[in-house]
Amino acid sequence: MNEKNNCNKLYNCSAYFFNYPVFESEGISYLIIFACFVAICFSGAKIYFPSDKEDYDSVEKEADQLEKYDGDFQYTNEGFYNKQKTPLKLIKWDKIISVYSFSIPISKHRRETGLEIITEKGSYELGGDTPGIEKLANELYNHLPDWQLNTPTIRINNYGLQKTKLYERNDDKIKI
């Protein structure tokens, strides 16, 4: 008999827990269900993507490596060599007439970018995917005076070619 009363007491205790008046409110029930759903979503995302590889330190480290990477270029005090061209030809800093940044649409949602370097003896177009282009841009900025960062972008033709003048040598220095 005593065991039956204990069982009865346990049943009544659990009945009070499940029939607690807070759980009768619809808003709280929906809130609990929503919280469980959010916890499941975040847990699933953490399982599929265990670590975020795009944190500040990794991006900064990659940018530092790109700025130090020579790639297809070799630098001297007088200028630089483009290792893509054979035979190797020195492009001197003081022979550069102008430098342009260009952007060409290659599909509806993609554009090819790069640098156009015009010298007294020729013109060089380097795409944005050229190995070492980041360091070349920094070297050009450091060796060429009067680098222009606020010039407007000009649309050149009907195909969507856009150019921005980054550097232009003064006319009194041009030797023809």
N, C-alpha and C. Protein backbone atom coordinates (compact mmCIF):
# COMPACT_ATOMS: atom_id res chain seq x y z
N MET A 1 0.82 -1.18 0.00
CA MET A 1 0.00 0.00 0.00
C MET A 1 0.88 1.26 0.00
N ASN A 2 1.92 1.16 0.75
CA ASN A 2 2.83 2.29 0.84
C ASN A 2 3.50 2.55 -0.52
N GLU A 3 3.83 1.48 -1.26
CA GLU A 3 4.43 1.63 -2.58
C GLU A 3 3.46 2.27 -3.54
N LYS A 4 2.18 1.95 -3.41
CA LYS A 4 1.17 2.51 -4.30
C LYS A 4 1.04 4.02 -4.07
N ASN A 5 1.12 4.44 -2.83
CA ASN A 5 1.04 5.88 -2.52
C ASN A 5 2.25 6.62 -3.08
N ASN A 6 3.44 6.00 -2.98
CA ASN A 6 4.64 6.64 -3.53
C ASN A 6 4.53 6.79 -5.04
N CYS A 7 4.03 5.76 -5.69
CA CYS A 7 3.84 5.81 -7.13
C CYS A 7 2.84 6.90 -7.48
N ASN A 8 1.79 6.97 -6.73
CA ASN A 8 0.76 7.98 -6.95
C ASN A 8 1.34 9.38 -6.77
N LYS A 9 2.20 9.56 -5.78
CA LYS A 9 2.82 10.87 -5.55
C LYS A 9 3.74 11.24 -6.73
N LEU A 10 4.50 10.27 -7.24
CA LEU A 10 5.38 10.55 -8.37
C LEU A 10 4.57 10.94 -9.60
N TYR A 11 3.47 10.26 -9.82
CA TYR A 11 2.63 10.57 -10.96
C TYR A 11 2.06 11.97 -10.84
N ASN A 12 1.64 12.34 -9.65
CA ASN A 12 1.09 13.68 -9.44
C ASN A 12 2.17 14.75 -9.64
N CYS A 13 3.40 14.46 -9.23
CA CYS A 13 4.48 15.44 -9.42
C CYS A 13 4.73 15.67 -10.90
N SER A 14 4.78 14.61 -11.69
CA SER A 14 5.03 14.79 -13.11
C SER A 14 3.84 15.47 -13.78
N ALA A 15 2.66 15.24 -13.27
CA ALA A 15 1.49 15.90 -13.83
C ALA A 15 1.56 17.40 -13.59
N TYR A 16 2.08 17.79 -12.44
CA TYR A 16 2.23 19.22 -12.19
C TYR A 16 3.27 19.84 -13.12
N PHE A 17 4.32 19.09 -13.39
CA PHE A 17 5.38 19.63 -14.27
C PHE A 17 4.86 19.83 -15.69
N PHE A 18 4.16 18.83 -16.25
CA PHE A 18 3.67 18.96 -17.61
C PHE A 18 2.48 19.89 -17.74
N ASN A 19 1.75 20.07 -16.70
CA ASN A 19 0.60 20.96 -16.74
C ASN A 19 0.90 22.31 -16.13
N TYR A 20 2.17 22.66 -16.09
CA TYR A 20 2.55 23.95 -15.53
C TYR A 20 1.96 25.04 -16.39
N PRO A 21 1.39 26.07 -15.82
CA PRO A 21 0.64 27.06 -16.59
C PRO A 21 1.46 27.84 -17.63
N VAL A 22 2.79 27.92 -17.48
CA VAL A 22 3.60 28.67 -18.45
C VAL A 22 3.54 27.98 -19.81
N PHE A 23 3.52 26.64 -19.83
CA PHE A 23 3.50 25.91 -21.08
C PHE A 23 2.15 25.96 -21.78
N GLU A 24 1.16 26.47 -21.12
CA GLU A 24 -0.15 26.58 -21.75
C GLU A 24 -0.24 27.82 -22.65
N SER A 25 0.67 28.76 -22.51
CA SER A 25 0.68 29.95 -23.33
C SER A 25 1.21 29.59 -24.72
N GLU A 26 0.49 29.96 -25.77
CA GLU A 26 0.92 29.66 -27.14
C GLU A 26 2.21 30.37 -27.50
N GLY A 27 2.37 31.60 -27.09
CA GLY A 27 3.55 32.39 -27.43
C GLY A 27 4.82 31.75 -26.90
N ILE A 28 4.77 31.28 -25.66
CA ILE A 28 5.96 30.65 -25.07
C ILE A 28 6.25 29.33 -25.75
N SER A 29 5.23 28.58 -26.11
CA SER A 29 5.42 27.31 -26.82
C SER A 29 6.09 27.55 -28.17
N TYR A 30 5.62 28.55 -28.90
CA TYR A 30 6.24 28.87 -30.18
C TYR A 30 7.67 29.36 -30.01
N LEU A 31 7.91 30.10 -28.96
CA LEU A 31 9.25 30.59 -28.68
C LEU A 31 10.20 29.43 -28.39
N ILE A 32 9.75 28.45 -27.63
CA ILE A 32 10.58 27.28 -27.33
C ILE A 32 10.85 26.50 -28.61
N ILE A 33 9.86 26.30 -29.44
CA ILE A 33 10.03 25.57 -30.70
C ILE A 33 11.00 26.33 -31.61
N PHE A 34 10.86 27.65 -31.69
CA PHE A 34 11.75 28.46 -32.51
C PHE A 34 13.19 28.38 -32.01
N ALA A 35 13.38 28.43 -30.68
CA ALA A 35 14.72 28.34 -30.11
C ALA A 35 15.36 26.99 -30.43
N CYS A 36 14.59 25.93 -30.38
CA CYS A 36 15.11 24.61 -30.74
C CYS A 36 15.48 24.56 -32.21
N PHE A 37 14.66 25.15 -33.08
CA PHE A 37 14.94 25.19 -34.50
C PHE A 37 16.23 25.95 -34.79
N VAL A 38 16.41 27.08 -34.15
CA VAL A 38 17.63 27.87 -34.33
C VAL A 38 18.85 27.09 -33.86
N ALA A 39 18.74 26.41 -32.72
CA ALA A 39 19.86 25.62 -32.21
C ALA A 39 20.21 24.50 -33.17
N ILE A 40 19.23 23.86 -33.77
CA ILE A 40 19.48 22.80 -34.74
C ILE A 40 20.15 23.36 -36.00
N CYS A 41 19.68 24.52 -36.47
CA CYS A 41 20.28 25.14 -37.67
C CYS A 41 21.73 25.49 -37.43
N PHE A 42 22.05 26.14 -36.31
CA PHE A 42 23.43 26.51 -36.02
C PHE A 42 24.31 25.28 -35.82
N SER A 43 23.77 24.24 -35.21
CA SER A 43 24.54 23.01 -35.04
C SER A 43 24.84 22.37 -36.39
N GLY A 44 23.84 22.35 -37.28
CA GLY A 44 24.06 21.81 -38.62
C GLY A 44 25.09 22.61 -39.39
N ALA A 45 25.02 23.93 -39.29
CA ALA A 45 26.00 24.77 -39.98
C ALA A 45 27.41 24.53 -39.44
N LYS A 46 27.53 24.33 -38.16
CA LYS A 46 28.85 24.08 -37.56
C LYS A 46 29.39 22.72 -37.99
N ILE A 47 28.50 21.74 -38.21
CA ILE A 47 28.94 20.42 -38.67
C ILE A 47 29.43 20.50 -40.11
N TYR A 48 28.69 21.19 -40.98
CA TYR A 48 29.08 21.29 -42.38
C TYR A 48 30.26 22.22 -42.61
N PHE A 49 30.38 23.27 -41.84
CA PHE A 49 31.46 24.24 -41.97
C PHE A 49 32.16 24.37 -40.61
N PRO A 50 33.05 23.44 -40.29
CA PRO A 50 33.62 23.40 -38.94
C PRO A 50 34.49 24.60 -38.58
N SER A 51 35.16 25.21 -39.55
CA SER A 51 35.97 26.38 -39.21
C SER A 51 35.82 27.42 -40.30
N ASP A 52 35.77 28.64 -39.90
CA ASP A 52 35.66 29.75 -40.84
C ASP A 52 37.07 30.11 -41.28
N LYS A 53 37.40 29.92 -42.55
CA LYS A 53 38.75 30.16 -43.04
C LYS A 53 38.96 31.62 -43.43
N GLU A 54 37.93 32.42 -43.48
CA GLU A 54 38.04 33.81 -43.91
C GLU A 54 38.04 34.76 -42.71
N ASP A 55 38.93 34.54 -41.76
CA ASP A 55 39.03 35.49 -40.67
C ASP A 55 40.05 36.57 -41.03
N TYR A 56 40.12 37.61 -40.24
CA TYR A 56 40.95 38.77 -40.56
C TYR A 56 42.42 38.39 -40.71
N ASP A 57 42.94 37.57 -39.79
CA ASP A 57 44.37 37.23 -39.81
C ASP A 57 44.75 36.46 -41.07
N SER A 58 43.90 35.52 -41.51
CA SER A 58 44.24 34.75 -42.70
C SER A 58 44.20 35.61 -43.96
N VAL A 59 43.24 36.52 -44.04
CA VAL A 59 43.16 37.42 -45.20
C VAL A 59 44.35 38.38 -45.21
N GLU A 60 44.72 38.89 -44.05
CA GLU A 60 45.86 39.81 -43.96
C GLU A 60 47.16 39.09 -44.30
N LYS A 61 47.31 37.85 -43.86
CA LYS A 61 48.50 37.06 -44.16
C LYS A 61 48.61 36.79 -45.66
N GLU A 62 47.49 36.46 -46.29
CA GLU A 62 47.49 36.20 -47.73
C GLU A 62 47.83 37.47 -48.51
N ALA A 63 47.29 38.61 -48.08
CA ALA A 63 47.60 39.88 -48.75
C ALA A 63 49.08 40.23 -48.62
N ASP A 64 49.67 39.98 -47.45
CA ASP A 64 51.10 40.24 -47.26
C ASP A 64 51.95 39.35 -48.16
N GLN A 65 51.54 38.08 -48.32
CA GLN A 65 52.29 37.17 -49.18
C GLN A 65 52.20 37.62 -50.64
N LEU A 66 51.01 38.07 -51.07
CA LEU A 66 50.85 38.52 -52.45
C LEU A 66 51.68 39.76 -52.73
N GLU A 67 51.80 40.66 -51.76
CA GLU A 67 52.58 41.88 -51.96
C GLU A 67 54.08 41.63 -51.98
N LYS A 68 54.53 40.50 -51.45
CA LYS A 68 55.96 40.16 -51.46
C LYS A 68 56.32 39.23 -52.61
N TYR A 69 55.34 38.68 -53.30
CA TYR A 69 55.57 37.68 -54.33
C TYR A 69 55.93 38.35 -55.66
N ASP A 70 57.13 38.05 -56.19
CA ASP A 70 57.60 38.64 -57.45
C ASP A 70 56.82 38.12 -58.65
N GLY A 71 56.46 36.85 -58.63
CA GLY A 71 55.70 36.28 -59.74
C GLY A 71 56.47 36.33 -61.04
N ASP A 72 55.88 36.91 -62.08
CA ASP A 72 56.47 36.97 -63.42
C ASP A 72 57.38 38.19 -63.61
N PHE A 73 57.77 38.83 -62.53
CA PHE A 73 58.57 40.05 -62.64
C PHE A 73 59.84 39.95 -61.80
N GLN A 74 60.86 40.66 -62.28
CA GLN A 74 62.12 40.76 -61.55
C GLN A 74 62.44 42.25 -61.47
N TYR A 75 62.78 42.73 -60.28
CA TYR A 75 62.93 44.16 -60.05
C TYR A 75 64.38 44.55 -59.85
N THR A 76 64.73 45.74 -60.38
CA THR A 76 66.04 46.35 -60.14
C THR A 76 65.77 47.81 -59.76
N ASN A 77 66.83 48.54 -59.47
CA ASN A 77 66.67 49.95 -59.14
C ASN A 77 66.27 50.77 -60.37
N GLU A 78 66.67 50.33 -61.56
CA GLU A 78 66.37 51.08 -62.78
C GLU A 78 64.99 50.77 -63.35
N GLY A 79 64.46 49.58 -63.06
CA GLY A 79 63.18 49.18 -63.63
C GLY A 79 62.82 47.75 -63.27
N PHE A 80 62.13 47.07 -64.19
CA PHE A 80 61.73 45.69 -63.92
C PHE A 80 61.74 44.91 -65.23
N TYR A 81 61.88 43.61 -65.09
CA TYR A 81 61.83 42.67 -66.21
C TYR A 81 60.51 41.91 -66.13
N ASN A 82 59.88 41.72 -67.29
CA ASN A 82 58.70 40.87 -67.38
C ASN A 82 59.17 39.51 -67.87
N LYS A 83 59.16 38.50 -66.99
CA LYS A 83 59.69 37.18 -67.32
C LYS A 83 58.80 36.43 -68.31
N GLN A 84 57.60 36.93 -68.60
CA GLN A 84 56.72 36.30 -69.58
C GLN A 84 57.23 36.54 -71.00
N LYS A 85 57.88 37.64 -71.21
CA LYS A 85 58.37 38.01 -72.54
C LYS A 85 59.77 37.44 -72.76
N THR A 86 60.01 36.93 -73.94
CA THR A 86 61.35 36.48 -74.29
C THR A 86 61.80 37.25 -75.52
N PRO A 87 62.96 37.76 -75.60
CA PRO A 87 63.98 37.79 -74.56
C PRO A 87 63.60 38.79 -73.46
N LEU A 88 64.20 38.62 -72.29
CA LEU A 88 63.93 39.53 -71.19
C LEU A 88 64.34 40.95 -71.56
N LYS A 89 63.46 41.88 -71.32
CA LYS A 89 63.71 43.27 -71.68
C LYS A 89 63.44 44.13 -70.45
N LEU A 90 64.39 44.99 -70.14
CA LEU A 90 64.25 45.87 -68.98
C LEU A 90 63.29 47.01 -69.32
N ILE A 91 62.28 47.17 -68.49
CA ILE A 91 61.36 48.31 -68.62
C ILE A 91 61.78 49.29 -67.53
N LYS A 92 62.37 50.39 -67.96
CA LYS A 92 62.91 51.35 -66.99
C LYS A 92 61.80 52.25 -66.44
N TRP A 93 61.95 52.58 -65.16
CA TRP A 93 60.96 53.43 -64.49
C TRP A 93 60.86 54.79 -65.20
N ASP A 94 61.98 55.36 -65.58
CA ASP A 94 61.96 56.71 -66.17
C ASP A 94 61.51 56.71 -67.64
N LYS A 95 61.33 55.56 -68.25
CA LYS A 95 60.85 55.48 -69.63
C LYS A 95 59.33 55.24 -69.70
N ILE A 96 58.70 55.06 -68.56
CA ILE A 96 57.25 54.84 -68.54
C ILE A 96 56.54 56.18 -68.74
N ILE A 97 55.68 56.23 -69.74
CA ILE A 97 54.93 57.45 -70.05
C ILE A 97 53.63 57.51 -69.25
N SER A 98 52.90 56.39 -69.22
CA SER A 98 51.64 56.38 -68.48
C SER A 98 51.29 54.97 -68.03
N VAL A 99 50.44 54.91 -67.01
CA VAL A 99 49.93 53.65 -66.47
C VAL A 99 48.43 53.80 -66.32
N TYR A 100 47.70 52.83 -66.86
CA TYR A 100 46.24 52.83 -66.77
C TYR A 100 45.77 51.53 -66.11
N SER A 101 44.71 51.64 -65.38
CA SER A 101 43.98 50.47 -64.89
C SER A 101 42.82 50.27 -65.84
N PHE A 102 42.59 49.02 -66.27
CA PHE A 102 41.49 48.79 -67.20
C PHE A 102 40.57 47.69 -66.68
N SER A 103 39.36 47.70 -67.19
CA SER A 103 38.35 46.72 -66.83
C SER A 103 37.51 46.42 -68.07
N ILE A 104 37.47 45.13 -68.46
CA ILE A 104 36.75 44.71 -69.66
C ILE A 104 35.71 43.67 -69.26
N PRO A 105 34.46 43.82 -69.68
CA PRO A 105 33.48 42.77 -69.38
C PRO A 105 33.76 41.53 -70.23
N ILE A 106 33.79 40.36 -69.59
CA ILE A 106 33.99 39.12 -70.35
C ILE A 106 32.73 38.26 -70.34
N SER A 107 31.83 38.55 -69.45
CA SER A 107 30.50 37.93 -69.44
C SER A 107 29.56 38.91 -68.76
N LYS A 108 28.32 38.52 -68.61
CA LYS A 108 27.33 39.44 -68.05
C LYS A 108 27.66 39.86 -66.61
N HIS A 109 28.26 38.95 -65.84
CA HIS A 109 28.52 39.23 -64.43
C HIS A 109 29.99 39.23 -64.05
N ARG A 110 30.90 39.14 -65.02
CA ARG A 110 32.33 39.09 -64.73
C ARG A 110 33.10 40.10 -65.57
N ARG A 111 34.14 40.66 -64.96
CA ARG A 111 34.99 41.61 -65.66
C ARG A 111 36.45 41.19 -65.48
N GLU A 112 37.25 41.40 -66.52
CA GLU A 112 38.68 41.18 -66.45
C GLU A 112 39.33 42.52 -66.15
N THR A 113 40.21 42.56 -65.16
CA THR A 113 40.89 43.80 -64.79
C THR A 113 42.38 43.62 -64.98
N GLY A 114 43.08 44.74 -65.04
CA GLY A 114 44.53 44.68 -65.17
C GLY A 114 45.16 46.05 -65.30
N LEU A 115 46.43 46.05 -65.68
CA LEU A 115 47.20 47.28 -65.84
C LEU A 115 47.70 47.38 -67.27
N GLU A 116 47.70 48.59 -67.80
CA GLU A 116 48.30 48.88 -69.10
C GLU A 116 49.43 49.86 -68.84
N ILE A 117 50.64 49.46 -69.23
CA ILE A 117 51.82 50.29 -69.04
C ILE A 117 52.31 50.71 -70.42
N ILE A 118 52.38 52.03 -70.64
CA ILE A 118 52.83 52.56 -71.93
C ILE A 118 54.20 53.19 -71.72
N THR A 119 55.18 52.72 -72.51
CA THR A 119 56.54 53.24 -72.44
C THR A 119 56.86 53.95 -73.75
N GLU A 120 58.06 54.47 -73.83
CA GLU A 120 58.49 55.15 -75.05
C GLU A 120 58.64 54.18 -76.21
N LYS A 121 58.87 52.90 -75.92
CA LYS A 121 59.12 51.92 -76.97
C LYS A 121 58.01 50.89 -77.13
N GLY A 122 56.96 50.94 -76.34
CA GLY A 122 55.91 49.95 -76.49
C GLY A 122 54.84 50.05 -75.41
N SER A 123 53.93 49.11 -75.49
CA SER A 123 52.80 49.06 -74.56
C SER A 123 52.70 47.64 -74.02
N TYR A 124 52.36 47.52 -72.73
CA TYR A 124 52.25 46.22 -72.08
C TYR A 124 50.91 46.15 -71.35
N GLU A 125 50.15 45.11 -71.63
CA GLU A 125 48.89 44.88 -70.92
C GLU A 125 49.07 43.66 -70.03
N LEU A 126 48.81 43.82 -68.75
CA LEU A 126 48.97 42.75 -67.77
C LEU A 126 47.62 42.51 -67.10
N GLY A 127 47.13 41.29 -67.19
CA GLY A 127 45.84 40.95 -66.59
C GLY A 127 45.92 40.87 -65.08
N GLY A 128 44.78 40.99 -64.44
CA GLY A 128 44.72 40.94 -62.98
C GLY A 128 45.11 39.60 -62.40
N ASP A 129 45.10 38.55 -63.22
CA ASP A 129 45.48 37.23 -62.73
C ASP A 129 46.96 36.92 -63.00
N THR A 130 47.71 37.88 -63.49
CA THR A 130 49.15 37.70 -63.71
C THR A 130 49.85 37.53 -62.36
N PRO A 131 50.63 36.46 -62.20
CA PRO A 131 51.33 36.28 -60.93
C PRO A 131 52.27 37.44 -60.63
N GLY A 132 52.14 38.04 -59.46
CA GLY A 132 53.00 39.13 -59.04
C GLY A 132 52.46 40.52 -59.37
N ILE A 133 51.24 40.61 -59.89
CA ILE A 133 50.69 41.92 -60.29
C ILE A 133 50.52 42.86 -59.09
N GLU A 134 50.26 42.30 -57.92
CA GLU A 134 50.08 43.13 -56.72
C GLU A 134 51.37 43.85 -56.35
N LYS A 135 52.49 43.09 -56.39
CA LYS A 135 53.78 43.71 -56.07
C LYS A 135 54.18 44.71 -57.15
N LEU A 136 53.88 44.39 -58.42
CA LEU A 136 54.19 45.33 -59.50
C LEU A 136 53.45 46.65 -59.30
N ALA A 137 52.18 46.58 -58.93
CA ALA A 137 51.42 47.81 -58.69
C ALA A 137 52.04 48.62 -57.56
N ASN A 138 52.48 47.97 -56.51
CA ASN A 138 53.14 48.68 -55.40
C ASN A 138 54.47 49.28 -55.84
N GLU A 139 55.24 48.54 -56.63
CA GLU A 139 56.53 49.05 -57.12
C GLU A 139 56.32 50.25 -58.05
N LEU A 140 55.32 50.18 -58.91
CA LEU A 140 55.01 51.32 -59.79
C LEU A 140 54.65 52.54 -58.96
N TYR A 141 53.84 52.33 -57.94
CA TYR A 141 53.44 53.43 -57.06
C TYR A 141 54.65 54.04 -56.36
N ASN A 142 55.59 53.20 -55.93
CA ASN A 142 56.76 53.70 -55.19
C ASN A 142 57.78 54.38 -56.09
N HIS A 143 57.90 53.96 -57.35
CA HIS A 143 58.94 54.50 -58.23
C HIS A 143 58.47 55.63 -59.14
N LEU A 144 57.19 55.76 -59.34
CA LEU A 144 56.69 56.80 -60.24
C LEU A 144 56.10 57.94 -59.41
N PRO A 145 56.60 59.17 -59.63
CA PRO A 145 56.04 60.30 -58.88
C PRO A 145 54.65 60.68 -59.41
N ASP A 146 53.95 61.43 -58.65
CA ASP A 146 52.64 61.96 -59.06
C ASP A 146 51.62 60.86 -59.40
N TRP A 147 51.58 59.83 -58.60
CA TRP A 147 50.59 58.76 -58.80
C TRP A 147 49.21 59.35 -58.55
N GLN A 148 48.29 59.15 -59.46
CA GLN A 148 46.96 59.77 -59.38
C GLN A 148 45.94 58.72 -58.95
N LEU A 149 45.37 58.92 -57.78
CA LEU A 149 44.42 57.94 -57.26
C LEU A 149 42.97 58.39 -57.39
N ASN A 150 42.74 59.65 -57.73
CA ASN A 150 41.37 60.17 -57.77
C ASN A 150 40.90 60.51 -59.17
N THR A 151 41.50 59.99 -60.20
CA THR A 151 41.06 60.30 -61.56
C THR A 151 39.80 59.52 -61.90
N PRO A 152 38.94 60.09 -62.71
CA PRO A 152 37.68 59.39 -63.05
C PRO A 152 37.92 58.23 -64.02
N THR A 153 37.03 57.27 -63.94
CA THR A 153 37.06 56.13 -64.87
C THR A 153 36.32 56.54 -66.13
N ILE A 154 36.92 56.25 -67.29
CA ILE A 154 36.35 56.66 -68.57
C ILE A 154 35.94 55.41 -69.34
N ARG A 155 34.73 55.44 -69.89
CA ARG A 155 34.30 54.34 -70.75
C ARG A 155 34.85 54.62 -72.14
N ILE A 156 35.61 53.67 -72.68
CA ILE A 156 36.33 53.89 -73.93
C ILE A 156 35.51 53.54 -75.15
N ASN A 157 34.82 52.40 -75.14
CA ASN A 157 34.10 51.97 -76.34
C ASN A 157 32.74 51.37 -75.98
N ASN A 158 32.00 50.92 -76.99
CA ASN A 158 30.66 50.37 -76.77
C ASN A 158 30.68 48.98 -76.14
N TYR A 159 31.82 48.35 -76.10
CA TYR A 159 31.92 47.00 -75.52
C TYR A 159 32.08 47.04 -74.01
N GLY A 160 32.19 48.20 -73.41
CA GLY A 160 32.26 48.33 -71.96
C GLY A 160 33.66 48.45 -71.40
N LEU A 161 34.67 48.66 -72.26
CA LEU A 161 36.04 48.85 -71.76
C LEU A 161 36.09 50.14 -70.96
N GLN A 162 36.62 50.04 -69.74
CA GLN A 162 36.76 51.21 -68.88
C GLN A 162 38.23 51.35 -68.49
N LYS A 163 38.73 52.60 -68.51
CA LYS A 163 40.11 52.87 -68.15
C LYS A 163 40.16 53.98 -67.11
N THR A 164 41.13 53.84 -66.23
CA THR A 164 41.40 54.87 -65.23
C THR A 164 42.88 55.20 -65.29
N LYS A 165 43.20 56.47 -65.46
CA LYS A 165 44.60 56.90 -65.53
C LYS A 165 45.17 56.92 -64.12
N LEU A 166 46.25 56.15 -63.91
CA LEU A 166 46.90 56.11 -62.61
C LEU A 166 48.16 56.98 -62.58
N TYR A 167 48.83 57.07 -63.72
CA TYR A 167 50.06 57.85 -63.79
C TYR A 167 50.23 58.36 -65.21
N GLU A 168 50.68 59.60 -65.31
CA GLU A 168 51.06 60.15 -66.61
C GLU A 168 52.25 61.08 -66.37
N ARG A 169 53.31 60.84 -67.14
CA ARG A 169 54.52 61.63 -67.00
C ARG A 169 54.28 63.03 -67.54
N ASN A 170 54.93 64.01 -66.94
CA ASN A 170 54.84 65.40 -67.42
C ASN A 170 55.43 65.50 -68.82
N ASP A 171 54.86 66.37 -69.65
CA ASP A 171 55.29 66.51 -71.06
C ASP A 171 56.72 66.97 -71.19
N ASP A 172 57.22 67.75 -70.26
CA ASP A 172 58.58 68.26 -70.40
C ASP A 172 59.64 67.16 -70.19
N LYS A 173 59.23 65.99 -69.66
CA LYS A 173 60.18 64.89 -69.49
C LYS A 173 60.17 63.93 -70.68
N ILE A 174 59.15 64.02 -71.54
CA ILE A 174 59.04 63.10 -72.67
C ILE A 174 60.07 63.47 -73.72
N LYS A 175 60.85 62.46 -74.12
CA LYS A 175 61.89 62.67 -75.15
C LYS A 175 61.47 61.90 -76.39
N ILE A 176 61.30 62.61 -77.48
CA ILE A 176 60.86 61.96 -78.71
C ILE A 176 62.02 61.80 -79.66
